[in-house]
N, C-alpha and C. Protein backbone atom coordinates (compact mmCIF):
# COMPACT_ATOMS: atom_id res chain seq x y z
N MET A 1 0.83 -1.20 0.00
CA MET A 1 0.00 0.00 0.00
C MET A 1 0.87 1.26 0.00
N GLY A 2 1.74 1.38 1.01
CA GLY A 2 2.72 2.43 0.99
C GLY A 2 2.24 3.79 1.44
N CYS A 3 3.15 4.76 1.30
CA CYS A 3 2.92 6.14 1.70
C CYS A 3 2.87 7.00 0.45
N HIS A 4 1.85 7.84 0.34
CA HIS A 4 1.64 8.66 -0.84
C HIS A 4 1.70 10.14 -0.44
N VAL A 5 2.65 10.86 -0.99
CA VAL A 5 2.73 12.30 -0.79
C VAL A 5 2.00 12.96 -1.95
N VAL A 6 0.92 13.66 -1.63
CA VAL A 6 0.07 14.27 -2.67
C VAL A 6 0.72 15.60 -3.06
N ASP A 7 1.22 15.66 -4.27
CA ASP A 7 2.00 16.81 -4.73
C ASP A 7 1.16 17.68 -5.67
N HIS A 8 0.93 18.92 -5.27
CA HIS A 8 0.13 19.84 -6.09
C HIS A 8 0.44 21.26 -5.63
N PRO A 9 0.49 22.22 -6.54
CA PRO A 9 0.79 23.61 -6.14
C PRO A 9 -0.15 24.16 -5.08
N LEU A 10 -1.45 23.84 -5.17
CA LEU A 10 -2.39 24.35 -4.17
C LEU A 10 -2.14 23.73 -2.80
N ILE A 11 -1.75 22.46 -2.79
CA ILE A 11 -1.43 21.81 -1.53
C ILE A 11 -0.20 22.45 -0.91
N ARG A 12 0.83 22.71 -1.70
CA ARG A 12 2.03 23.34 -1.17
C ARG A 12 1.72 24.74 -0.63
N GLU A 13 0.87 25.49 -1.33
CA GLU A 13 0.53 26.83 -0.88
C GLU A 13 -0.21 26.80 0.46
N LYS A 14 -1.20 25.93 0.58
CA LYS A 14 -1.99 25.87 1.82
C LYS A 14 -1.17 25.30 2.97
N LEU A 15 -0.26 24.38 2.66
CA LEU A 15 0.62 23.87 3.69
C LEU A 15 1.55 24.98 4.20
N THR A 16 2.00 25.84 3.31
CA THR A 16 2.82 26.97 3.72
C THR A 16 2.07 27.86 4.70
N THR A 17 0.78 28.08 4.43
CA THR A 17 -0.05 28.87 5.35
C THR A 17 -0.14 28.21 6.72
N LEU A 18 -0.31 26.89 6.75
CA LEU A 18 -0.38 26.17 8.02
C LEU A 18 0.94 26.26 8.80
N ARG A 19 2.04 26.20 8.09
CA ARG A 19 3.34 26.21 8.75
C ARG A 19 3.66 27.57 9.38
N ASP A 20 3.20 28.64 8.75
CA ASP A 20 3.57 29.99 9.14
C ASP A 20 3.05 30.31 10.54
N ALA A 21 3.95 30.60 11.48
CA ALA A 21 3.56 30.91 12.85
C ALA A 21 2.72 32.18 12.93
N ARG A 22 2.77 33.01 11.89
CA ARG A 22 2.00 34.26 11.90
C ARG A 22 0.55 34.07 11.44
N THR A 23 0.22 32.89 10.92
CA THR A 23 -1.14 32.66 10.43
C THR A 23 -2.13 32.72 11.59
N PRO A 24 -3.16 33.57 11.49
CA PRO A 24 -4.13 33.68 12.59
C PRO A 24 -5.06 32.47 12.64
N LEU A 25 -5.84 32.42 13.70
CA LEU A 25 -6.74 31.29 13.92
C LEU A 25 -7.64 31.03 12.73
N ARG A 26 -8.29 32.07 12.24
CA ARG A 26 -9.21 31.89 11.11
C ARG A 26 -8.49 31.35 9.89
N GLY A 27 -7.31 31.89 9.60
CA GLY A 27 -6.55 31.44 8.45
C GLY A 27 -6.08 30.01 8.59
N PHE A 28 -5.68 29.61 9.82
CA PHE A 28 -5.24 28.24 10.04
C PHE A 28 -6.39 27.27 9.82
N ARG A 29 -7.56 27.61 10.37
CA ARG A 29 -8.71 26.72 10.20
C ARG A 29 -9.10 26.58 8.73
N ALA A 30 -9.09 27.69 8.01
CA ALA A 30 -9.47 27.65 6.60
C ALA A 30 -8.48 26.82 5.79
N ALA A 31 -7.19 27.00 6.04
CA ALA A 31 -6.19 26.25 5.29
C ALA A 31 -6.26 24.76 5.60
N LEU A 32 -6.47 24.40 6.87
CA LEU A 32 -6.60 22.98 7.22
C LEU A 32 -7.82 22.36 6.55
N HIS A 33 -8.92 23.11 6.54
CA HIS A 33 -10.15 22.64 5.90
C HIS A 33 -9.90 22.36 4.41
N GLU A 34 -9.33 23.33 3.72
CA GLU A 34 -9.11 23.20 2.28
C GLU A 34 -8.10 22.10 1.97
N LEU A 35 -7.04 22.03 2.76
CA LEU A 35 -6.02 21.01 2.55
C LEU A 35 -6.57 19.61 2.79
N SER A 36 -7.43 19.47 3.78
CA SER A 36 -8.06 18.17 4.05
C SER A 36 -8.88 17.70 2.86
N LEU A 37 -9.59 18.62 2.22
CA LEU A 37 -10.37 18.26 1.04
C LEU A 37 -9.48 17.82 -0.11
N LEU A 38 -8.40 18.56 -0.33
CA LEU A 38 -7.51 18.24 -1.44
C LEU A 38 -6.86 16.88 -1.26
N ILE A 39 -6.38 16.59 -0.05
CA ILE A 39 -5.77 15.29 0.19
C ILE A 39 -6.83 14.19 0.20
N GLY A 40 -8.01 14.52 0.73
CA GLY A 40 -9.09 13.56 0.77
C GLY A 40 -9.51 13.07 -0.60
N TYR A 41 -9.57 13.99 -1.57
CA TYR A 41 -9.90 13.58 -2.94
C TYR A 41 -8.95 12.49 -3.42
N GLU A 42 -7.65 12.70 -3.20
CA GLU A 42 -6.66 11.73 -3.66
C GLU A 42 -6.75 10.43 -2.88
N ALA A 43 -6.98 10.52 -1.59
CA ALA A 43 -7.05 9.31 -0.77
C ALA A 43 -8.22 8.41 -1.17
N LEU A 44 -9.26 9.01 -1.71
CA LEU A 44 -10.47 8.26 -2.07
C LEU A 44 -10.50 7.87 -3.55
N ARG A 45 -9.40 8.08 -4.24
CA ARG A 45 -9.36 7.83 -5.68
C ARG A 45 -9.69 6.38 -6.04
N THR A 46 -9.32 5.42 -5.20
CA THR A 46 -9.46 4.01 -5.55
C THR A 46 -10.73 3.37 -4.97
N LEU A 47 -11.70 4.17 -4.58
CA LEU A 47 -12.94 3.60 -4.07
C LEU A 47 -13.60 2.71 -5.12
N GLY A 48 -14.18 1.62 -4.66
CA GLY A 48 -14.91 0.75 -5.57
C GLY A 48 -16.20 1.40 -6.05
N GLU A 49 -16.56 1.13 -7.30
CA GLU A 49 -17.76 1.71 -7.91
C GLU A 49 -18.67 0.61 -8.44
N GLU A 50 -19.93 0.99 -8.67
CA GLU A 50 -20.86 0.12 -9.36
C GLU A 50 -21.64 0.95 -10.37
N PRO A 51 -22.02 0.35 -11.49
CA PRO A 51 -22.71 1.12 -12.54
C PRO A 51 -24.09 1.58 -12.10
N LEU A 52 -24.48 2.73 -12.60
CA LEU A 52 -25.79 3.29 -12.30
C LEU A 52 -26.27 4.08 -13.51
N ALA A 53 -27.36 3.63 -14.11
CA ALA A 53 -27.92 4.34 -15.27
C ALA A 53 -28.86 5.44 -14.80
N VAL A 54 -28.75 6.61 -15.40
CA VAL A 54 -29.63 7.74 -15.09
C VAL A 54 -30.17 8.31 -16.39
N THR A 55 -31.22 9.10 -16.26
CA THR A 55 -31.80 9.74 -17.43
C THR A 55 -31.60 11.24 -17.32
N THR A 56 -30.88 11.80 -18.25
CA THR A 56 -30.69 13.24 -18.31
C THR A 56 -31.94 13.88 -18.93
N PRO A 57 -32.04 15.19 -19.01
CA PRO A 57 -33.17 15.80 -19.71
C PRO A 57 -33.28 15.38 -21.17
N LEU A 58 -32.22 14.75 -21.71
CA LEU A 58 -32.22 14.40 -23.13
C LEU A 58 -32.28 12.90 -23.40
N ARG A 59 -31.63 12.11 -22.56
CA ARG A 59 -31.59 10.66 -22.83
C ARG A 59 -31.00 9.93 -21.64
N GLU A 60 -31.07 8.61 -21.68
CA GLU A 60 -30.45 7.80 -20.64
C GLU A 60 -28.94 7.74 -20.87
N CYS A 61 -28.18 7.69 -19.78
CA CYS A 61 -26.73 7.55 -19.92
C CYS A 61 -26.18 6.73 -18.77
N ALA A 62 -25.00 6.20 -18.99
CA ALA A 62 -24.34 5.38 -17.97
C ALA A 62 -23.64 6.27 -16.95
N GLY A 63 -23.72 5.87 -15.71
CA GLY A 63 -23.02 6.57 -14.64
C GLY A 63 -22.51 5.56 -13.63
N SER A 64 -22.15 6.02 -12.45
CA SER A 64 -21.67 5.12 -11.41
C SER A 64 -21.90 5.75 -10.05
N ARG A 65 -21.78 4.94 -9.02
CA ARG A 65 -21.82 5.42 -7.65
C ARG A 65 -20.84 4.60 -6.83
N VAL A 66 -20.43 5.15 -5.71
CA VAL A 66 -19.51 4.45 -4.83
C VAL A 66 -20.23 3.23 -4.25
N ARG A 67 -19.54 2.10 -4.29
CA ARG A 67 -20.20 0.82 -3.96
C ARG A 67 -20.45 0.64 -2.47
N ASP A 68 -19.50 1.01 -1.64
CA ASP A 68 -19.60 0.72 -0.21
C ASP A 68 -19.59 2.01 0.61
N PRO A 69 -20.14 1.98 1.82
CA PRO A 69 -20.18 3.20 2.64
C PRO A 69 -18.78 3.65 3.05
N ILE A 70 -18.68 4.93 3.40
CA ILE A 70 -17.42 5.52 3.86
C ILE A 70 -17.65 6.02 5.28
N TYR A 71 -16.76 5.63 6.19
CA TYR A 71 -16.82 6.09 7.57
C TYR A 71 -15.61 6.99 7.84
N LEU A 72 -15.83 8.07 8.54
CA LEU A 72 -14.75 8.96 8.94
C LEU A 72 -14.42 8.72 10.41
N MET A 73 -13.13 8.55 10.71
CA MET A 73 -12.70 8.27 12.07
C MET A 73 -11.58 9.23 12.46
N PRO A 74 -11.92 10.40 13.00
CA PRO A 74 -10.87 11.33 13.45
C PRO A 74 -10.26 10.90 14.77
N ILE A 75 -8.96 11.12 14.91
CA ILE A 75 -8.28 10.97 16.19
C ILE A 75 -8.40 12.30 16.92
N LEU A 76 -9.02 12.26 18.10
CA LEU A 76 -9.27 13.49 18.85
C LEU A 76 -7.95 14.03 19.41
N ARG A 77 -7.90 15.38 19.44
CA ARG A 77 -8.94 16.29 19.00
C ARG A 77 -8.60 16.93 17.66
N ALA A 78 -7.30 16.88 17.32
CA ALA A 78 -6.86 17.58 16.11
C ALA A 78 -7.51 17.04 14.85
N GLY A 79 -7.87 15.75 14.84
CA GLY A 79 -8.47 15.16 13.65
C GLY A 79 -9.87 15.65 13.36
N LEU A 80 -10.51 16.31 14.34
CA LEU A 80 -11.89 16.77 14.13
C LEU A 80 -11.98 17.78 13.00
N GLY A 81 -11.01 18.68 12.90
CA GLY A 81 -11.05 19.67 11.83
C GLY A 81 -11.01 19.03 10.46
N MET A 82 -10.20 18.00 10.31
CA MET A 82 -10.14 17.29 9.03
C MET A 82 -11.44 16.55 8.76
N ALA A 83 -12.01 15.92 9.80
CA ALA A 83 -13.26 15.18 9.61
C ALA A 83 -14.40 16.12 9.22
N GLU A 84 -14.44 17.32 9.80
CA GLU A 84 -15.48 18.28 9.44
C GLU A 84 -15.38 18.67 7.98
N ALA A 85 -14.16 18.83 7.48
CA ALA A 85 -13.98 19.15 6.07
C ALA A 85 -14.45 18.01 5.18
N LEU A 86 -14.03 16.80 5.49
CA LEU A 86 -14.39 15.65 4.67
C LEU A 86 -15.88 15.33 4.75
N ALA A 87 -16.52 15.70 5.87
CA ALA A 87 -17.96 15.48 5.98
C ALA A 87 -18.73 16.36 5.00
N GLU A 88 -18.16 17.48 4.60
CA GLU A 88 -18.80 18.30 3.55
C GLU A 88 -18.72 17.59 2.21
N LEU A 89 -17.60 16.93 1.97
CA LEU A 89 -17.44 16.16 0.74
C LEU A 89 -18.28 14.90 0.76
N LEU A 90 -18.48 14.34 1.97
CA LEU A 90 -19.19 13.07 2.14
C LEU A 90 -20.32 13.26 3.16
N PRO A 91 -21.38 13.96 2.79
CA PRO A 91 -22.41 14.31 3.77
C PRO A 91 -23.17 13.13 4.35
N ASP A 92 -23.10 11.96 3.71
CA ASP A 92 -23.77 10.78 4.23
C ASP A 92 -22.84 9.89 5.06
N ALA A 93 -21.59 10.29 5.23
CA ALA A 93 -20.62 9.45 5.93
C ALA A 93 -20.79 9.58 7.44
N PRO A 94 -21.00 8.47 8.14
CA PRO A 94 -20.99 8.52 9.61
C PRO A 94 -19.61 8.93 10.12
N VAL A 95 -19.59 9.58 11.27
CA VAL A 95 -18.33 10.02 11.87
C VAL A 95 -18.20 9.39 13.26
N GLY A 96 -17.17 8.58 13.44
CA GLY A 96 -16.86 8.02 14.75
C GLY A 96 -15.82 8.89 15.44
N HIS A 97 -15.31 8.41 16.56
CA HIS A 97 -14.29 9.18 17.29
C HIS A 97 -13.31 8.22 17.97
N ILE A 98 -12.03 8.60 17.92
CA ILE A 98 -10.98 7.86 18.62
C ILE A 98 -10.29 8.85 19.54
N GLY A 99 -10.46 8.65 20.85
CA GLY A 99 -9.88 9.56 21.83
C GLY A 99 -8.58 9.02 22.39
N MET A 100 -7.52 9.83 22.26
CA MET A 100 -6.22 9.48 22.83
C MET A 100 -5.51 10.75 23.27
N PHE A 101 -4.73 10.66 24.32
CA PHE A 101 -3.82 11.75 24.63
C PHE A 101 -2.42 11.16 24.75
N ARG A 102 -1.41 12.00 24.55
CA ARG A 102 -0.04 11.52 24.53
C ARG A 102 0.63 11.73 25.88
N ASP A 103 1.23 10.67 26.39
CA ASP A 103 2.05 10.80 27.59
C ASP A 103 3.32 11.56 27.19
N GLU A 104 3.51 12.74 27.75
CA GLU A 104 4.61 13.59 27.33
C GLU A 104 5.98 13.06 27.76
N VAL A 105 6.01 12.06 28.64
CA VAL A 105 7.28 11.47 29.05
C VAL A 105 7.65 10.30 28.15
N THR A 106 6.71 9.37 27.98
CA THR A 106 6.99 8.17 27.18
C THR A 106 6.67 8.36 25.70
N LEU A 107 5.88 9.40 25.37
CA LEU A 107 5.39 9.67 24.02
C LEU A 107 4.45 8.58 23.52
N GLU A 108 3.94 7.76 24.43
CA GLU A 108 3.01 6.70 24.07
C GLU A 108 1.57 7.20 24.18
N PRO A 109 0.68 6.74 23.29
CA PRO A 109 -0.72 7.17 23.34
C PRO A 109 -1.47 6.51 24.49
N GLN A 110 -2.38 7.25 25.08
CA GLN A 110 -3.22 6.73 26.15
C GLN A 110 -4.68 6.79 25.69
N PRO A 111 -5.23 5.69 25.18
CA PRO A 111 -6.62 5.70 24.69
C PRO A 111 -7.61 5.95 25.83
N TYR A 112 -8.63 6.74 25.54
CA TYR A 112 -9.66 6.98 26.55
C TYR A 112 -11.08 6.93 25.98
N TYR A 113 -11.23 6.84 24.65
CA TYR A 113 -12.58 6.83 24.10
C TYR A 113 -12.55 6.22 22.70
N LEU A 114 -13.56 5.42 22.39
CA LEU A 114 -13.70 4.85 21.05
C LEU A 114 -15.17 4.69 20.73
N ARG A 115 -15.59 5.30 19.64
CA ARG A 115 -16.97 5.17 19.16
C ARG A 115 -16.92 4.92 17.67
N VAL A 116 -17.32 3.72 17.25
CA VAL A 116 -17.23 3.31 15.85
C VAL A 116 -18.64 3.07 15.31
N PRO A 117 -18.98 3.62 14.15
CA PRO A 117 -20.30 3.36 13.56
C PRO A 117 -20.50 1.86 13.33
N PRO A 118 -21.75 1.40 13.29
CA PRO A 118 -22.02 -0.03 13.11
C PRO A 118 -21.64 -0.52 11.72
N ASP A 119 -21.47 -1.85 11.61
CA ASP A 119 -21.16 -2.51 10.34
C ASP A 119 -19.87 -1.98 9.73
N VAL A 120 -18.87 -1.74 10.56
CA VAL A 120 -17.62 -1.16 10.07
C VAL A 120 -16.90 -2.10 9.10
N ALA A 121 -17.16 -3.40 9.19
CA ALA A 121 -16.47 -4.36 8.34
C ALA A 121 -16.76 -4.15 6.86
N ARG A 122 -17.92 -3.59 6.53
CA ARG A 122 -18.26 -3.42 5.12
C ARG A 122 -17.95 -2.02 4.60
N ALA A 123 -17.32 -1.19 5.42
CA ALA A 123 -17.10 0.21 5.06
C ALA A 123 -15.66 0.48 4.64
N ASN A 124 -15.50 1.57 3.89
CA ASN A 124 -14.20 2.18 3.66
C ASN A 124 -13.96 3.15 4.82
N VAL A 125 -12.96 2.87 5.64
CA VAL A 125 -12.73 3.66 6.85
C VAL A 125 -11.56 4.60 6.62
N VAL A 126 -11.82 5.89 6.81
CA VAL A 126 -10.80 6.92 6.63
C VAL A 126 -10.45 7.48 8.00
N CYS A 127 -9.26 7.15 8.49
CA CYS A 127 -8.78 7.64 9.78
C CYS A 127 -7.99 8.93 9.53
N VAL A 128 -8.31 10.00 10.25
CA VAL A 128 -7.68 11.29 9.98
C VAL A 128 -7.04 11.87 11.23
N ASP A 129 -5.86 12.44 11.04
CA ASP A 129 -5.12 13.13 12.09
C ASP A 129 -4.09 14.01 11.39
N PRO A 130 -4.00 15.30 11.70
CA PRO A 130 -3.09 16.16 10.93
C PRO A 130 -1.63 15.73 10.95
N MET A 131 -1.15 15.18 12.09
CA MET A 131 0.27 14.92 12.23
C MET A 131 0.56 13.42 12.38
N LEU A 132 1.51 12.93 11.61
CA LEU A 132 2.03 11.57 11.77
C LEU A 132 3.46 11.72 12.28
N ALA A 133 3.59 11.82 13.61
CA ALA A 133 4.88 12.14 14.23
C ALA A 133 5.61 10.85 14.62
N THR A 134 5.48 10.40 15.85
CA THR A 134 6.11 9.14 16.23
C THR A 134 5.43 7.95 15.56
N GLY A 135 4.18 8.14 15.17
CA GLY A 135 3.40 7.04 14.60
C GLY A 135 2.67 6.23 15.64
N ASN A 136 2.93 6.49 16.92
CA ASN A 136 2.33 5.66 17.97
C ASN A 136 0.80 5.81 18.02
N SER A 137 0.31 7.04 17.90
CA SER A 137 -1.14 7.24 17.95
C SER A 137 -1.83 6.62 16.74
N ALA A 138 -1.23 6.77 15.57
CA ALA A 138 -1.81 6.19 14.36
C ALA A 138 -1.87 4.68 14.46
N VAL A 139 -0.80 4.06 14.92
CA VAL A 139 -0.78 2.60 15.06
C VAL A 139 -1.84 2.15 16.05
N SER A 140 -1.94 2.85 17.18
CA SER A 140 -2.95 2.50 18.18
C SER A 140 -4.36 2.64 17.60
N ALA A 141 -4.61 3.71 16.86
CA ALA A 141 -5.93 3.93 16.27
C ALA A 141 -6.29 2.81 15.30
N ILE A 142 -5.36 2.45 14.43
CA ILE A 142 -5.62 1.39 13.46
C ILE A 142 -5.78 0.05 14.17
N ASP A 143 -4.98 -0.19 15.21
CA ASP A 143 -5.16 -1.42 16.01
C ASP A 143 -6.59 -1.52 16.52
N GLN A 144 -7.08 -0.42 17.10
CA GLN A 144 -8.42 -0.42 17.67
C GLN A 144 -9.49 -0.62 16.60
N LEU A 145 -9.32 0.02 15.45
CA LEU A 145 -10.30 -0.12 14.38
C LEU A 145 -10.33 -1.54 13.83
N LYS A 146 -9.18 -2.15 13.68
CA LYS A 146 -9.14 -3.53 13.19
C LYS A 146 -9.79 -4.49 14.19
N LYS A 147 -9.60 -4.23 15.47
CA LYS A 147 -10.24 -5.07 16.48
C LYS A 147 -11.76 -4.97 16.40
N CYS A 148 -12.25 -3.82 15.93
CA CYS A 148 -13.70 -3.62 15.76
C CYS A 148 -14.21 -4.22 14.45
N GLY A 149 -13.30 -4.72 13.62
CA GLY A 149 -13.71 -5.37 12.38
C GLY A 149 -13.41 -4.62 11.11
N ALA A 150 -12.82 -3.42 11.20
CA ALA A 150 -12.51 -2.65 9.99
C ALA A 150 -11.49 -3.41 9.14
N GLN A 151 -11.72 -3.42 7.84
CA GLN A 151 -10.85 -4.16 6.93
C GLN A 151 -10.23 -3.28 5.85
N ARG A 152 -10.97 -2.28 5.40
CA ARG A 152 -10.46 -1.38 4.34
C ARG A 152 -10.21 -0.02 4.96
N LEU A 153 -8.96 0.24 5.27
CA LEU A 153 -8.58 1.43 6.01
C LEU A 153 -7.64 2.31 5.21
N ARG A 154 -7.76 3.61 5.43
CA ARG A 154 -6.83 4.60 4.90
C ARG A 154 -6.47 5.55 6.03
N LEU A 155 -5.22 5.98 6.08
CA LEU A 155 -4.79 6.99 7.04
C LEU A 155 -4.48 8.27 6.27
N VAL A 156 -5.19 9.35 6.61
CA VAL A 156 -5.01 10.62 5.93
C VAL A 156 -4.50 11.64 6.93
N CYS A 157 -3.32 12.19 6.67
CA CYS A 157 -2.69 13.17 7.54
C CYS A 157 -2.27 14.38 6.70
N ILE A 158 -1.74 15.39 7.35
CA ILE A 158 -1.22 16.55 6.65
C ILE A 158 0.30 16.46 6.53
N VAL A 159 0.97 16.33 7.67
CA VAL A 159 2.44 16.29 7.70
C VAL A 159 2.90 15.04 8.43
N GLY A 160 3.91 14.39 7.88
CA GLY A 160 4.51 13.24 8.54
C GLY A 160 6.02 13.40 8.60
N CYS A 161 6.68 12.37 9.10
CA CYS A 161 8.14 12.36 9.15
C CYS A 161 8.59 10.91 8.96
N PRO A 162 9.87 10.70 8.63
CA PRO A 162 10.31 9.32 8.36
C PRO A 162 10.04 8.34 9.50
N GLU A 163 10.22 8.80 10.76
CA GLU A 163 10.00 7.91 11.90
C GLU A 163 8.55 7.44 11.97
N GLY A 164 7.61 8.36 11.80
CA GLY A 164 6.20 8.01 11.87
C GLY A 164 5.76 7.12 10.73
N VAL A 165 6.24 7.44 9.52
CA VAL A 165 5.90 6.62 8.35
C VAL A 165 6.44 5.20 8.54
N ALA A 166 7.68 5.09 9.00
CA ALA A 166 8.28 3.76 9.19
C ALA A 166 7.52 2.96 10.24
N ARG A 167 7.17 3.61 11.34
CA ARG A 167 6.44 2.92 12.42
C ARG A 167 5.09 2.43 11.93
N MET A 168 4.39 3.27 11.19
CA MET A 168 3.05 2.92 10.72
C MET A 168 3.10 1.82 9.65
N THR A 169 4.00 1.94 8.70
CA THR A 169 4.05 0.94 7.63
C THR A 169 4.54 -0.41 8.14
N ALA A 170 5.39 -0.40 9.18
CA ALA A 170 5.83 -1.67 9.76
C ALA A 170 4.69 -2.36 10.49
N ALA A 171 3.88 -1.59 11.21
CA ALA A 171 2.79 -2.17 11.99
C ALA A 171 1.59 -2.54 11.13
N HIS A 172 1.32 -1.73 10.11
CA HIS A 172 0.12 -1.93 9.28
C HIS A 172 0.46 -1.71 7.80
N PRO A 173 1.19 -2.65 7.20
CA PRO A 173 1.59 -2.47 5.80
C PRO A 173 0.42 -2.47 4.82
N ASP A 174 -0.75 -2.92 5.27
CA ASP A 174 -1.92 -2.97 4.41
C ASP A 174 -2.70 -1.66 4.37
N VAL A 175 -2.30 -0.68 5.17
CA VAL A 175 -3.04 0.57 5.27
C VAL A 175 -2.28 1.68 4.54
N PRO A 176 -2.82 2.21 3.44
CA PRO A 176 -2.12 3.30 2.74
C PRO A 176 -2.16 4.60 3.54
N ILE A 177 -1.10 5.37 3.42
CA ILE A 177 -0.96 6.65 4.12
C ILE A 177 -0.93 7.75 3.06
N PHE A 178 -1.67 8.83 3.32
CA PHE A 178 -1.69 9.98 2.42
C PHE A 178 -1.28 11.22 3.19
N LEU A 179 -0.30 11.96 2.64
CA LEU A 179 0.27 13.12 3.31
C LEU A 179 0.46 14.26 2.32
N ALA A 180 0.57 15.47 2.84
CA ALA A 180 0.96 16.61 2.01
C ALA A 180 2.47 16.77 1.98
N ALA A 181 3.17 16.29 3.04
CA ALA A 181 4.62 16.43 3.10
C ALA A 181 5.20 15.46 4.11
N ILE A 182 6.45 15.04 3.86
CA ILE A 182 7.24 14.30 4.83
C ILE A 182 8.39 15.21 5.25
N ASP A 183 8.39 15.60 6.51
CA ASP A 183 9.38 16.54 7.02
C ASP A 183 10.65 15.82 7.47
N ASP A 184 11.59 16.61 8.05
CA ASP A 184 12.92 16.10 8.34
C ASP A 184 12.95 15.03 9.42
N GLY A 185 12.20 15.23 10.51
CA GLY A 185 12.25 14.28 11.60
C GLY A 185 11.58 14.82 12.85
N LEU A 186 11.97 14.28 14.00
CA LEU A 186 11.37 14.65 15.28
C LEU A 186 12.39 15.36 16.16
N ASN A 187 11.89 16.28 17.01
CA ASN A 187 12.76 16.88 18.01
C ASN A 187 12.71 16.06 19.30
N GLU A 188 13.35 16.56 20.35
CA GLU A 188 13.43 15.80 21.59
C GLU A 188 12.08 15.63 22.28
N ARG A 189 11.09 16.45 21.90
CA ARG A 189 9.75 16.34 22.48
C ARG A 189 8.82 15.50 21.62
N GLY A 190 9.32 14.94 20.53
CA GLY A 190 8.49 14.13 19.66
C GLY A 190 7.63 14.94 18.71
N TYR A 191 8.00 16.21 18.47
CA TYR A 191 7.27 17.06 17.53
C TYR A 191 7.98 17.03 16.17
N ILE A 192 7.19 17.07 15.11
CA ILE A 192 7.74 17.07 13.76
C ILE A 192 8.45 18.40 13.50
N VAL A 193 9.65 18.31 12.88
CA VAL A 193 10.45 19.47 12.53
C VAL A 193 10.67 19.47 11.01
N PRO A 194 10.40 20.59 10.29
CA PRO A 194 9.93 21.87 10.82
C PRO A 194 8.46 21.87 11.23
N GLY A 195 7.65 20.97 10.67
CA GLY A 195 6.27 20.81 11.11
C GLY A 195 5.43 22.06 11.02
N LEU A 196 4.44 22.14 11.91
CA LEU A 196 3.58 23.32 11.96
C LEU A 196 3.12 23.60 13.40
N GLY A 197 3.84 23.01 14.35
CA GLY A 197 3.46 23.17 15.75
C GLY A 197 2.42 22.14 16.16
N ASP A 198 1.73 22.41 17.25
CA ASP A 198 0.66 21.53 17.72
C ASP A 198 -0.61 21.86 16.95
N ALA A 199 -1.01 20.97 16.05
CA ALA A 199 -2.14 21.25 15.17
C ALA A 199 -3.43 21.48 15.95
N GLY A 200 -3.64 20.70 17.01
CA GLY A 200 -4.85 20.87 17.81
C GLY A 200 -4.90 22.22 18.49
N ASP A 201 -3.79 22.62 19.11
CA ASP A 201 -3.75 23.92 19.78
C ASP A 201 -3.95 25.06 18.78
N ARG A 202 -3.35 24.95 17.62
CA ARG A 202 -3.48 26.04 16.65
C ARG A 202 -4.88 26.09 16.05
N TYR A 203 -5.51 24.92 15.86
CA TYR A 203 -6.85 24.89 15.28
C TYR A 203 -7.90 25.42 16.25
N TYR A 204 -7.71 25.11 17.54
CA TYR A 204 -8.73 25.51 18.54
C TYR A 204 -8.34 26.77 19.31
N GLY A 205 -7.20 27.35 18.99
CA GLY A 205 -6.82 28.59 19.64
C GLY A 205 -6.38 28.42 21.07
N THR A 206 -5.84 27.24 21.42
CA THR A 206 -5.44 26.98 22.80
C THR A 206 -3.93 26.96 22.96
N ALA A 207 -3.20 27.38 21.93
CA ALA A 207 -1.74 27.41 22.04
C ALA A 207 -1.35 28.48 23.06
N PRO A 208 -0.31 28.22 23.86
CA PRO A 208 0.13 29.22 24.83
C PRO A 208 0.62 30.49 24.15
N ALA A 209 0.40 31.62 24.76
CA ALA A 209 0.81 32.90 24.17
C ALA A 209 2.33 32.99 24.18
């Protein structure tokens, strides 16, 4: 499955806005929303289809529709902004939640909440989180989803790093990863460098002054 870096001038421009420490709250939210849609389009490119005939005002013609349901699974809390964007693209998609916080000493995820829509085994499950840093949270999220029966999974993030990509692909080689960029690596606190800071704090306006 592998890791896919979605390369496009609009993606690079909006990622630049996210990275810029001077970007205000409104601008950060707008750029994350738009970037989530752009990466989401690419991540969903291989969805299965089935034929569907429709009648235009002039004649019948062949068309298609997506064969199986799509579920959105954001990792709280930063993933919520991405899920809200993709829910506009997929208004019929149920949205579950995966709650985890990071132990700042061990950098290991601490799960505290999981809500998965029913019949997940027959769905295309899109797990979203802006940052793929150590990879620990992503691996834990996919572990939990597979235990619930999910079989067709995609991980959609904004920025990753070699450590996170390696950790995720080693643990779940069957799950494709979609990113806007792979950055240099991690600092001593487990943050992606150059990255864009704490995506959740910047999206919700809770970053320290």
